[in-house]
Amino acid sequence: MTDATATKPTQAPPANGKRAPVPRPQQARAVNPVHERLFELYPKLFGASFLPLKLGVFQDLQARHPEDFKKDELKLAMGQHARSTRYLDSVAAGMARHDLDGNPVEPVAPEHVHHAILEIFRRRQARSREDLRPRLRLRLMAAIEASGLSREDYAALVRVQDEATNALVDDALAELAVQSAKREALLRAFDASGKTEAEFADMYGMRLAEVTETLARVRTEQAAKATAAP
């Protein structure tokens, strides 16, 4: 019968004669007490998920809670909050800015959405071996279209000194230009065909809903360009 008190076999010492370092348990990151208080007061804004905050919310917090927050401590905590990845995610998603009562009050400016998307990309790319630029291009394309700006105006708004960053934007803009050209070509082909939308879709092996949506979109784009022209 095996002796239950028998000692376990000892591990052989490493070849270099040095013992491997004993891993230290990771300590939980201390939570800023200001963040805890903000969560208690406004769980919808500072809770499990974050919402973009209205411009001037720092002053609103000071005015509403003069006894709860010291100015310098609140300023530091709000800066940390605004730089957090979770907060940047909410800005990058294009959600509206909210006041302290949780009411949407204003849209996030296109350039703020843009810079949040880029910062998230940089953080995730630094931790990933995968090239995340294709995903970034798709996200930038969606942001450009959601901004309601022309490609030229958007580029002028977000252009920075860093050429590598500008190249990422140019890549997204170029792909949007290609897609726009394809839509315009489809409209020209449809106008020249003399067919109904259903007949045109059948002739080119396309879904009718796709043809209808694409034609409506390019007509809207052309109307917007004509309106914007001097």
Protein backbone atom coordinates (compact mmCIF):
# COMPACT_ATOMS: atom_id res chain seq x y z
CA MET A 1 0.00 0.00 0.00
CA THR A 2 1.31 3.38 -0.88
CA ASP A 3 2.20 5.61 2.07
CA ALA A 4 -0.13 8.65 1.97
CA THR A 5 2.53 10.72 3.67
CA ALA A 6 5.18 9.95 1.09
CA THR A 7 6.86 13.04 -0.22
CA LYS A 8 6.43 14.05 -3.83
CA PRO A 9 9.43 13.59 -6.10
CA THR A 10 11.50 16.73 -6.29
CA GLN A 11 11.95 18.46 -9.61
CA ALA A 12 15.36 18.35 -11.18
CA PRO A 13 17.23 21.65 -10.90
CA PRO A 14 17.47 23.66 -14.12
CA ALA A 15 20.50 23.08 -16.29
CA ASN A 16 21.96 26.50 -15.52
CA GLY A 17 21.79 25.82 -11.78
CA LYS A 18 19.44 28.73 -11.15
CA ARG A 19 15.98 28.35 -9.78
CA ALA A 20 13.14 29.67 -11.90
CA PRO A 21 11.59 32.81 -10.41
CA VAL A 22 8.40 32.21 -8.46
CA PRO A 23 5.54 34.05 -10.21
CA ARG A 24 3.98 36.73 -8.07
CA PRO A 25 0.21 36.95 -7.89
CA GLN A 26 -1.08 39.93 -9.81
CA GLN A 27 -2.53 42.64 -7.65
CA ALA A 28 -5.89 44.08 -8.57
CA ARG A 29 -5.62 47.60 -9.90
CA ALA A 30 -6.77 50.12 -7.35
CA VAL A 31 -9.99 51.86 -8.33
CA ASN A 32 -9.97 55.63 -8.29
CA PRO A 33 -12.47 56.67 -5.57
CA VAL A 34 -13.71 59.45 -7.85
CA HIS A 35 -14.62 56.84 -10.46
CA GLU A 36 -16.46 54.86 -7.79
CA ARG A 37 -18.45 57.93 -6.79
CA LEU A 38 -19.27 58.74 -10.41
CA PHE A 39 -20.53 55.19 -10.86
CA GLU A 40 -22.73 55.52 -7.76
CA LEU A 41 -24.20 58.80 -8.96
CA TYR A 42 -24.53 58.00 -12.69
CA PRO A 43 -24.47 54.24 -13.38
CA LYS A 44 -25.88 54.74 -16.89
CA LEU A 45 -22.92 56.94 -17.84
CA PHE A 46 -20.09 55.44 -15.81
CA GLY A 47 -21.33 51.88 -15.23
CA ALA A 48 -20.87 48.61 -17.10
CA SER A 49 -21.02 50.51 -20.38
CA PHE A 50 -20.00 54.08 -21.08
CA LEU A 51 -21.75 56.78 -23.07
CA PRO A 52 -20.13 59.78 -24.75
CA LEU A 53 -20.46 62.81 -22.49
CA LYS A 54 -21.59 66.27 -23.51
CA LEU A 55 -18.97 68.96 -23.82
CA GLY A 56 -18.77 70.85 -20.55
CA VAL A 57 -19.83 67.91 -18.38
CA PHE A 58 -16.85 68.55 -16.09
CA GLN A 59 -18.30 71.94 -15.16
CA ASP A 60 -21.75 70.37 -14.78
CA LEU A 61 -20.38 67.86 -12.28
CA GLN A 62 -18.67 70.58 -10.30
CA ALA A 63 -21.84 72.67 -10.16
CA ARG A 64 -24.11 69.76 -9.23
CA HIS A 65 -21.81 68.08 -6.69
CA PRO A 66 -19.58 70.72 -5.09
CA GLU A 67 -19.18 68.63 -1.92
CA ASP A 68 -18.37 65.36 -3.68
CA PHE A 69 -15.43 66.28 -5.87
CA LYS A 70 -12.28 68.32 -5.56
CA LYS A 71 -11.51 70.11 -8.81
CA ASP A 72 -8.06 68.63 -9.44
CA GLU A 73 -9.12 65.10 -8.49
CA LEU A 74 -12.20 65.28 -10.71
CA LYS A 75 -10.16 66.66 -13.59
CA LEU A 76 -7.68 63.78 -13.31
CA ALA A 77 -10.42 61.15 -13.07
CA MET A 78 -12.34 62.55 -16.03
CA GLY A 79 -9.17 62.56 -18.11
CA GLN A 80 -8.57 58.91 -17.28
CA HIS A 81 -12.18 58.12 -18.13
CA ALA A 82 -12.02 59.88 -21.50
CA ARG A 83 -8.83 58.01 -22.43
CA SER A 84 -10.17 54.59 -21.49
CA THR A 85 -10.74 52.11 -24.30
CA ARG A 86 -14.34 51.55 -23.24
CA TYR A 87 -15.10 55.25 -23.50
CA LEU A 88 -13.30 55.53 -26.83
CA ASP A 89 -15.36 52.59 -28.09
CA SER A 90 -18.56 54.51 -27.38
CA VAL A 91 -17.23 57.58 -29.20
CA ALA A 92 -15.99 55.52 -32.15
CA ALA A 93 -19.44 53.95 -32.47
CA GLY A 94 -20.84 57.39 -33.26
CA MET A 95 -23.23 57.45 -30.31
CA ALA A 96 -24.67 60.81 -29.27
CA ARG A 97 -23.20 62.81 -26.42
CA HIS A 98 -25.26 62.66 -23.22
CA ASP A 99 -25.86 65.01 -20.32
CA LEU A 100 -25.74 63.97 -16.68
CA ASP A 101 -29.38 62.91 -16.77
CA GLY A 102 -28.63 60.44 -19.56
CA ASN A 103 -30.31 62.47 -22.30
CA PRO A 104 -28.72 62.55 -25.76
CA VAL A 105 -28.00 66.22 -26.44
CA GLU A 106 -25.60 66.49 -29.38
CA PRO A 107 -23.80 64.34 -31.93
CA VAL A 108 -20.14 63.52 -31.59
CA ALA A 109 -18.14 65.56 -34.12
CA PRO A 110 -16.86 63.48 -37.08
CA GLU A 111 -13.25 64.25 -36.21
CA HIS A 112 -13.75 62.96 -32.65
CA VAL A 113 -15.25 59.72 -33.98
CA HIS A 114 -12.35 59.45 -36.40
CA HIS A 115 -9.60 59.92 -33.83
CA ALA A 116 -11.29 57.48 -31.43
CA ILE A 117 -11.34 54.82 -34.17
CA LEU A 118 -7.65 55.35 -34.87
CA GLU A 119 -6.66 55.23 -31.21
CA ILE A 120 -8.56 51.97 -30.67
CA PHE A 121 -6.85 50.54 -33.75
CA ARG A 122 -3.41 51.49 -32.43
CA ARG A 123 -4.06 49.89 -29.05
CA ARG A 124 -5.42 46.66 -30.49
CA GLN A 125 -2.77 46.41 -33.18
CA ALA A 126 -0.07 46.72 -30.52
CA ARG A 127 -1.44 43.58 -28.85
CA SER A 128 -2.18 41.58 -31.99
CA ARG A 129 -0.01 39.71 -34.48
CA GLU A 130 -2.80 40.02 -37.05
CA ASP A 131 -2.79 42.95 -39.47
CA LEU A 132 -5.88 44.88 -38.41
CA ARG A 133 -5.68 47.49 -41.16
CA PRO A 134 -8.37 45.85 -43.34
CA ARG A 135 -10.83 46.09 -40.44
CA LEU A 136 -9.76 49.66 -39.80
CA ARG A 137 -10.42 50.55 -43.44
CA LEU A 138 -13.98 49.22 -43.22
CA ARG A 139 -14.60 51.11 -40.00
CA LEU A 140 -13.22 54.35 -41.39
CA MET A 141 -15.33 53.94 -44.51
CA ALA A 142 -18.45 53.59 -42.38
CA ALA A 143 -17.47 56.66 -40.33
CA ILE A 144 -16.84 58.73 -43.45
CA GLU A 145 -20.24 57.88 -44.88
CA ALA A 146 -21.99 58.44 -41.53
CA SER A 147 -20.40 61.89 -41.22
CA GLY A 148 -22.46 63.25 -44.11
CA LEU A 149 -19.36 65.03 -45.42
CA SER A 150 -17.91 64.73 -48.88
CA ARG A 151 -14.75 62.67 -49.12
CA GLU A 152 -12.77 65.83 -49.77
CA ASP A 153 -14.19 67.69 -46.77
CA TYR A 154 -13.66 64.70 -44.50
CA ALA A 155 -10.05 64.34 -45.57
CA ALA A 156 -9.39 68.02 -44.92
CA LEU A 157 -11.02 67.77 -41.48
CA VAL A 158 -8.98 64.82 -40.19
CA ARG A 159 -5.64 65.37 -41.94
CA VAL A 160 -2.73 65.32 -39.49
CA GLN A 161 1.07 65.68 -39.62
CA ASP A 162 1.68 61.93 -39.43
CA GLU A 163 1.87 60.56 -42.97
CA ALA A 164 1.30 56.96 -41.89
CA THR A 165 -2.03 57.97 -40.36
CA ASN A 166 -2.95 59.97 -43.45
CA ALA A 167 -2.18 56.92 -45.58
CA LEU A 168 -4.73 54.88 -43.62
CA VAL A 169 -7.36 57.54 -44.27
CA ASP A 170 -6.42 57.79 -47.95
CA ASP A 171 -6.84 54.01 -48.27
CA ALA A 172 -10.40 54.21 -46.95
CA LEU A 173 -11.21 57.21 -49.13
CA ALA A 174 -9.85 55.46 -52.22
CA GLU A 175 -12.02 52.40 -51.60
CA LEU A 176 -15.09 54.61 -51.17
CA ALA A 177 -14.28 56.32 -54.46
CA VAL A 178 -14.10 52.94 -56.20
CA GLN A 179 -17.45 51.90 -54.76
CA SER A 180 -19.03 55.21 -55.77
CA ALA A 181 -17.72 54.81 -59.33
CA LYS A 182 -19.24 51.33 -59.53
CA ARG A 183 -22.61 52.63 -58.40
CA GLU A 184 -22.52 55.42 -60.99
CA ALA A 185 -21.59 52.92 -63.68
CA LEU A 186 -24.57 50.77 -62.67
CA LEU A 187 -26.89 53.77 -62.98
CA ARG A 188 -25.57 54.61 -66.43
CA ALA A 189 -26.04 51.00 -67.53
CA PHE A 190 -29.57 50.97 -66.16
CA ASP A 191 -30.52 54.24 -67.85
CA ALA A 192 -29.14 52.97 -71.16
CA SER A 193 -30.86 49.60 -70.90
CA GLY A 194 -34.45 50.80 -71.13
CA LYS A 195 -35.38 48.01 -68.72
CA THR A 196 -37.38 48.05 -65.56
CA GLU A 197 -35.46 47.50 -62.35
CA ALA A 198 -36.74 43.92 -62.16
CA GLU A 199 -35.73 43.20 -65.76
CA PHE A 200 -32.33 44.84 -65.23
CA ALA A 201 -31.70 42.80 -62.09
CA ASP A 202 -32.64 39.59 -63.88
CA MET A 203 -30.45 40.46 -66.87
CA TYR A 204 -27.35 40.96 -64.69
CA GLY A 205 -28.10 38.19 -62.19
CA MET A 206 -28.55 40.65 -59.32
CA ARG A 207 -31.10 40.77 -56.54
CA LEU A 208 -33.88 43.26 -57.21
CA ALA A 209 -33.52 44.76 -53.72
CA GLU A 210 -29.81 45.34 -54.36
CA VAL A 211 -30.47 47.10 -57.66
CA THR A 212 -33.22 49.26 -56.17
CA GLU A 213 -31.08 50.24 -53.18
CA THR A 214 -27.99 50.99 -55.28
CA LEU A 215 -29.87 53.12 -57.82
CA ALA A 216 -31.62 55.08 -55.08
CA ARG A 217 -28.33 55.68 -53.31
CA VAL A 218 -26.44 56.94 -56.33
CA ARG A 219 -29.30 59.25 -57.29
CA THR A 220 -29.28 60.68 -53.78
CA GLU A 221 -25.51 61.17 -53.95
CA GLN A 222 -25.76 62.95 -57.29
CA ALA A 223 -28.55 65.19 -56.03
CA ALA A 224 -26.45 66.11 -52.99
CA LYS A 225 -23.48 66.98 -55.20
CA ALA A 226 -25.67 69.13 -57.42
CA THR A 227 -27.06 70.96 -54.41
CA ALA A 228 -23.60 71.54 -52.96
CA ALA A 229 -22.15 72.81 -56.22
CA PRO A 230 -21.71 76.63 -56.33
